[in-house]
Amino acid sequence: MSRFLMSLVARFPLWILHALGGALGWVIYGLSPTYRRHMRENLEAAGILDTETRRRAIASAGRMVAELPAVWLRPRGQAASLVVRIDGRELVDTARAAGQGIVFLTPHLGCFEITAKLAAEEFPITVLYRAPKLGWLQPLVEEGRGDDGVRLARADVSGVRELVAALARKEAVGILPDQVPGMGEGEWAEFFGRPAYTMTLAARLAARPGRVCLLAFGERLPGGAGYVLHLRPLPPAETGESEVRRMNRALEALIRECPGQYLWGYNRYKRPAGAPVPGAKSGAEPAP
């Protein structure tokens, strides 16, 4: 039944999905005190205090949910055609011409689901994902995110091996770098002025020779007019800066380009069970 309903919703024009999603965002915000608290605290930590950005972020979170049927269940070419412009396309072209594997970092900003769909139109991409807590969602996630050009790699040891193998083949991989990792999979690093338990995998994969790391997000255009895909290079590390903090600093800059479309309500600063307290060494494994 869920698959059937989502397939019907997928046929709606994008402007209708985004209009419904904007209302949904406000419903979620109104019903969950915890969600409201996280959003307000995270915005304040980032120094974003204006009401307009908060209002946009509330509506944007709902649009993220409402657009999923169109991005996941429309034929890949139709979903990819929702991207009306690519800003920074030359970065991908240069990497491909040089025979480099590409690590795409797609934070919870804008329509991050559209990135893999668009990439798969031109080259294979392997995307790291966590299985949903609700088991009945698993088939939908696998169908929506995976197809003949997109491989799904679970967030475990076998999945990491798949990412490494894809990069060895000079293909692309996609990672959500601002997702809180499990115990032993991250280290504490500053993110908008607060310590956040941050995955080390993305930084380790990007640090090896023969690879290029690009930040990406799909900016939602007003009125359901589609998306602009923005690509940015990972900036050079600052003196004394860890690779994980370098990544977080790059994410901060990307998010500040379009703060009203970031998922500020996500509990980014939680401490996973068993993780060390901030400031302790995480004992991360060496780079694959």
Protein backbone atom coordinates (compact mmCIF):
# COMPACT_ATOMS: atom_id res chain seq x y z
CA MET A 1 0.00 0.00 0.00
CA SER A 2 2.82 2.45 0.84
CA ARG A 3 4.48 1.76 -2.52
CA PHE A 4 1.17 2.29 -4.34
CA LEU A 5 0.44 5.60 -2.59
CA MET A 6 3.97 6.89 -3.17
CA SER A 7 3.76 5.99 -6.85
CA LEU A 8 0.58 8.05 -7.14
CA VAL A 9 2.12 11.02 -5.33
CA ALA A 10 5.20 10.77 -7.57
CA ARG A 11 3.04 11.86 -10.51
CA PHE A 12 2.17 15.20 -8.88
CA PRO A 13 3.94 18.26 -10.31
CA LEU A 14 6.89 19.35 -8.21
CA TRP A 15 5.25 22.66 -7.31
CA ILE A 16 2.33 20.80 -5.72
CA LEU A 17 4.67 18.49 -3.80
CA HIS A 18 6.63 21.45 -2.48
CA ALA A 19 3.47 23.33 -1.53
CA LEU A 20 2.17 20.32 0.40
CA GLY A 21 5.60 19.74 1.88
CA GLY A 22 5.84 23.30 3.16
CA ALA A 23 2.61 22.77 5.11
CA LEU A 24 3.84 19.39 6.34
CA GLY A 25 6.99 21.01 7.69
CA TRP A 26 4.94 23.33 9.87
CA VAL A 27 2.79 20.46 11.12
CA ILE A 28 5.88 18.51 12.20
CA TYR A 29 7.34 21.62 13.83
CA GLY A 30 4.13 22.25 15.72
CA LEU A 31 3.69 18.70 16.97
CA SER A 32 7.22 17.97 18.22
CA PRO A 33 8.70 20.04 21.07
CA THR A 34 11.99 18.10 20.78
CA TYR A 35 12.26 18.88 17.08
CA ARG A 36 11.56 22.57 17.74
CA ARG A 37 14.21 22.66 20.45
CA HIS A 38 16.85 21.04 18.26
CA MET A 39 16.13 23.42 15.40
CA ARG A 40 16.33 26.53 17.56
CA GLU A 41 19.48 25.38 19.38
CA ASN A 42 21.28 24.42 16.17
CA LEU A 43 20.41 27.70 14.47
CA GLU A 44 21.59 29.66 17.50
CA ALA A 45 24.86 27.70 17.60
CA ALA A 46 25.46 28.69 13.98
CA GLY A 47 24.74 32.34 14.79
CA ILE A 48 21.65 32.34 12.56
CA LEU A 49 19.07 34.25 14.55
CA ASP A 50 16.76 35.75 11.94
CA THR A 51 13.18 34.51 11.89
CA GLU A 52 13.00 34.29 8.10
CA THR A 53 15.72 31.64 7.84
CA ARG A 54 14.05 29.59 10.57
CA ARG A 55 10.69 29.79 8.78
CA ARG A 56 12.30 28.67 5.52
CA ALA A 57 14.03 25.79 7.28
CA ILE A 58 10.74 24.62 8.81
CA ALA A 59 9.03 24.51 5.41
CA SER A 60 12.11 23.05 3.72
CA ALA A 61 12.16 20.03 6.03
CA GLY A 62 8.64 19.16 4.92
CA ARG A 63 9.51 19.66 1.27
CA MET A 64 12.38 17.22 1.68
CA VAL A 65 9.85 14.54 2.64
CA ALA A 66 7.22 15.46 0.06
CA GLU A 67 9.63 15.42 -2.90
CA LEU A 68 10.92 11.90 -2.17
CA PRO A 69 8.27 10.08 -4.25
CA ALA A 70 9.18 12.13 -7.33
CA VAL A 71 12.92 11.68 -6.85
CA TRP A 72 12.75 8.01 -5.88
CA LEU A 73 9.98 6.55 -8.03
CA ARG A 74 10.00 8.48 -11.27
CA PRO A 75 12.21 6.95 -13.99
CA ARG A 76 15.78 8.03 -13.36
CA GLY A 77 15.92 10.24 -16.44
CA GLN A 78 12.75 12.08 -15.39
CA ALA A 79 14.07 12.57 -11.86
CA ALA A 80 17.44 13.80 -13.16
CA SER A 81 15.69 16.25 -15.51
CA LEU A 82 14.41 18.14 -12.45
CA VAL A 83 17.94 19.58 -12.20
CA VAL A 84 17.87 22.63 -14.45
CA ARG A 85 21.50 23.70 -13.98
CA ILE A 86 24.79 22.36 -12.62
CA ASP A 87 27.01 24.90 -10.92
CA GLY A 88 30.60 23.60 -10.89
CA ARG A 89 30.20 20.91 -13.55
CA GLU A 90 33.79 21.50 -14.66
CA LEU A 91 35.04 19.99 -11.37
CA VAL A 92 33.50 16.63 -12.28
CA ASP A 93 34.68 16.83 -15.88
CA THR A 94 38.25 17.53 -14.77
CA ALA A 95 38.26 14.63 -12.31
CA ARG A 96 36.83 12.23 -14.87
CA ALA A 97 39.33 13.31 -17.52
CA ALA A 98 42.18 12.73 -15.03
CA GLY A 99 40.90 9.23 -14.23
CA GLN A 100 40.17 10.08 -10.59
CA GLY A 101 37.58 8.53 -8.34
CA ILE A 102 35.12 11.07 -6.91
CA VAL A 103 33.90 11.29 -3.32
CA PHE A 104 30.67 13.30 -3.24
CA LEU A 105 29.80 14.73 0.19
CA THR A 106 26.09 15.55 0.27
CA PRO A 107 24.95 16.97 3.63
CA HIS A 108 21.31 17.26 4.68
CA LEU A 109 21.00 20.39 2.56
CA GLY A 110 18.38 20.96 -0.11
CA CYS A 111 17.44 17.90 -2.16
CA PHE A 112 20.46 15.73 -1.42
CA GLU A 113 18.70 12.68 -2.90
CA ILE A 114 18.85 14.12 -6.43
CA THR A 115 22.67 14.09 -6.59
CA ALA A 116 23.10 10.34 -7.10
CA LYS A 117 20.26 10.21 -9.63
CA LEU A 118 21.92 12.86 -11.74
CA ALA A 119 25.40 11.35 -11.43
CA ALA A 120 24.13 7.92 -12.47
CA GLU A 121 23.05 9.37 -15.81
CA GLU A 122 26.74 9.59 -16.73
CA PHE A 123 28.77 7.18 -14.57
CA PRO A 124 28.32 4.52 -11.85
CA ILE A 125 28.01 5.73 -8.28
CA THR A 126 27.94 3.78 -5.01
CA VAL A 127 26.01 5.41 -2.17
CA LEU A 128 26.47 4.66 1.52
CA TYR A 129 23.23 4.35 3.47
CA ARG A 130 21.89 3.24 6.82
CA ALA A 131 18.98 0.83 6.90
CA PRO A 132 15.83 2.57 8.22
CA LYS A 133 14.69 1.73 11.73
CA LEU A 134 11.24 0.84 10.37
CA GLY A 135 11.65 -2.43 8.51
CA TRP A 136 8.71 -1.84 6.15
CA LEU A 137 10.57 1.16 4.70
CA GLN A 138 13.55 -0.93 3.60
CA PRO A 139 12.14 -2.04 0.21
CA LEU A 140 11.11 1.54 -0.60
CA VAL A 141 14.54 2.89 0.30
CA GLU A 142 16.30 0.28 -1.79
CA GLU A 143 14.01 0.83 -4.77
CA GLY A 144 14.08 4.60 -4.49
CA ARG A 145 17.82 5.07 -4.04
CA GLY A 146 19.16 2.16 -6.06
CA ASP A 147 18.88 1.38 -9.76
CA ASP A 148 21.11 0.16 -12.56
CA GLY A 149 23.47 3.12 -12.15
CA VAL A 150 23.32 3.53 -8.37
CA ARG A 151 24.69 0.84 -6.07
CA LEU A 152 23.73 0.88 -2.41
CA ALA A 153 26.34 0.09 0.24
CA ARG A 154 25.22 -0.51 3.81
CA ALA A 155 26.93 1.47 6.54
CA ASP A 156 29.02 -1.44 7.79
CA VAL A 157 32.37 -3.08 7.03
CA SER A 158 31.10 -4.70 3.83
CA GLY A 159 29.72 -1.38 2.66
CA VAL A 160 33.04 0.36 3.25
CA ARG A 161 34.72 -2.30 1.14
CA GLU A 162 32.26 -1.57 -1.65
CA LEU A 163 33.10 2.15 -1.51
CA VAL A 164 36.83 1.43 -1.63
CA ALA A 165 36.33 -0.94 -4.58
CA ALA A 166 34.27 1.66 -6.47
CA LEU A 167 36.96 4.30 -6.01
CA ALA A 168 39.61 1.80 -7.14
CA ARG A 169 37.58 1.45 -10.35
CA LYS A 170 37.73 5.27 -10.69
CA GLU A 171 34.00 5.55 -10.09
CA ALA A 172 32.09 7.83 -7.72
CA VAL A 173 30.76 7.34 -4.21
CA GLY A 174 28.24 9.38 -2.23
CA ILE A 175 28.22 9.94 1.53
CA LEU A 176 26.09 11.95 3.98
CA PRO A 177 28.96 13.47 5.98
CA ASP A 178 26.84 15.18 8.65
CA GLN A 179 25.05 12.00 9.73
CA VAL A 180 26.01 11.04 13.28
CA PRO A 181 28.08 7.83 13.06
CA GLY A 182 28.00 4.91 15.43
CA MET A 183 30.48 4.36 18.26
CA GLY A 184 34.00 3.83 16.96
CA GLU A 185 33.20 5.27 13.54
CA GLY A 186 33.83 8.92 14.31
CA GLU A 187 35.66 11.53 16.33
CA TRP A 188 34.69 14.80 17.94
CA ALA A 189 35.21 17.89 15.81
CA GLU A 190 33.82 21.39 15.92
CA PHE A 191 30.71 22.00 13.82
CA PHE A 192 29.24 25.50 14.01
CA GLY A 193 31.06 26.16 17.27
CA ARG A 194 30.03 22.99 19.11
CA PRO A 195 31.68 19.55 19.34
CA ALA A 196 29.89 17.11 17.05
CA TYR A 197 30.66 13.40 16.74
CA THR A 198 31.70 13.27 13.08
CA MET A 199 32.35 10.35 10.77
CA THR A 200 35.97 9.73 9.86
CA LEU A 201 35.19 7.56 6.84
CA ALA A 202 34.53 10.40 4.39
CA ALA A 203 37.76 12.20 5.27
CA ARG A 204 39.78 8.98 5.07
CA LEU A 205 38.38 8.03 1.68
CA ALA A 206 39.01 11.48 0.25
CA ALA A 207 42.58 11.68 1.55
CA ARG A 208 44.01 8.90 -0.59
CA PRO A 209 45.81 9.71 -3.89
CA GLY A 210 43.90 9.47 -7.13
CA ARG A 211 40.67 10.76 -5.64
CA VAL A 212 38.93 14.10 -5.59
CA CYS A 213 36.42 15.21 -2.97
CA LEU A 214 33.48 17.40 -3.97
CA LEU A 215 30.70 18.87 -1.85
CA ALA A 216 27.28 18.81 -3.48
CA PHE A 217 23.72 19.92 -2.82
CA GLY A 218 20.56 20.40 -4.85
CA GLU A 219 19.10 23.84 -4.17
CA ARG A 220 15.32 23.93 -4.42
CA LEU A 221 14.10 26.66 -6.72
CA PRO A 222 10.98 28.66 -5.84
CA GLY A 223 7.61 27.53 -7.12
CA GLY A 224 8.70 23.96 -7.80
CA ALA A 225 10.82 25.08 -10.75
CA GLY A 226 13.35 22.31 -10.10
CA TYR A 227 16.84 22.27 -8.63
CA VAL A 228 20.26 23.75 -9.18
CA LEU A 229 23.04 21.31 -8.34
CA HIS A 230 25.95 23.12 -6.67
CA LEU A 231 29.40 21.49 -6.61
CA ARG A 232 32.26 22.82 -4.51
CA PRO A 233 35.84 21.56 -3.99
CA LEU A 234 37.02 20.59 -0.53
CA PRO A 235 39.11 23.54 0.66
CA PRO A 236 42.76 23.11 1.72
CA ALA A 237 43.36 22.24 5.36
CA GLU A 238 44.32 25.04 7.70
CA THR A 239 47.43 24.84 9.86
CA GLY A 240 47.01 22.26 12.61
CA GLU A 241 43.54 21.30 11.40
CA SER A 242 42.41 17.67 11.44
CA GLU A 243 40.88 16.16 8.29
CA VAL A 244 37.54 15.78 10.06
CA ARG A 245 37.47 19.41 11.16
CA ARG A 246 38.46 20.42 7.61
CA MET A 247 35.42 18.57 6.32
CA ASN A 248 33.11 20.17 8.89
CA ARG A 249 34.46 23.63 8.06
CA ALA A 250 33.72 22.98 4.38
CA LEU A 251 30.20 21.84 5.25
CA GLU A 252 29.64 24.98 7.32
CA ALA A 253 30.55 27.17 4.35
CA LEU A 254 28.27 25.19 2.04
CA ILE A 255 25.35 25.38 4.44
CA ARG A 256 25.79 29.13 4.85
CA GLU A 257 25.22 29.48 1.10
CA CYS A 258 21.64 28.32 1.60
CA PRO A 259 20.86 28.09 5.34
CA GLY A 260 17.10 28.04 4.84
CA GLN A 261 17.34 24.61 3.20
CA TYR A 262 19.44 22.83 5.83
CA LEU A 263 17.89 20.22 8.12
CA TRP A 264 18.51 22.17 11.32
CA GLY A 265 16.08 19.98 13.29
CA TYR A 266 18.39 16.96 13.01
CA ASN A 267 20.00 16.06 16.35
CA ARG A 268 23.53 16.62 15.04
CA TYR A 269 25.17 16.95 18.45
CA LYS A 270 24.01 13.74 20.11
CA ARG A 271 26.54 11.37 21.66
CA PRO A 272 26.18 7.79 20.37
CA ALA A 273 26.07 5.05 22.99
CA GLY A 274 29.61 4.07 23.92
CA ALA A 275 31.25 7.01 22.15
CA PRO A 276 33.97 8.85 24.08
CA VAL A 277 33.22 12.19 25.68
CA PRO A 278 34.22 15.25 23.63
CA GLY A 279 37.97 15.75 23.70
CA ALA A 280 38.83 12.07 24.09
CA LYS A 281 40.58 10.18 21.31
CA SER A 282 38.27 8.04 19.22
CA GLY A 283 40.78 5.39 18.16
CA ALA A 284 39.73 5.61 14.52
CA GLU A 285 41.18 2.98 12.20
CA PRO A 286 43.73 3.91 9.54
CA ALA A 287 42.54 4.98 6.12
CA PRO A 288 41.40 2.25 3.74
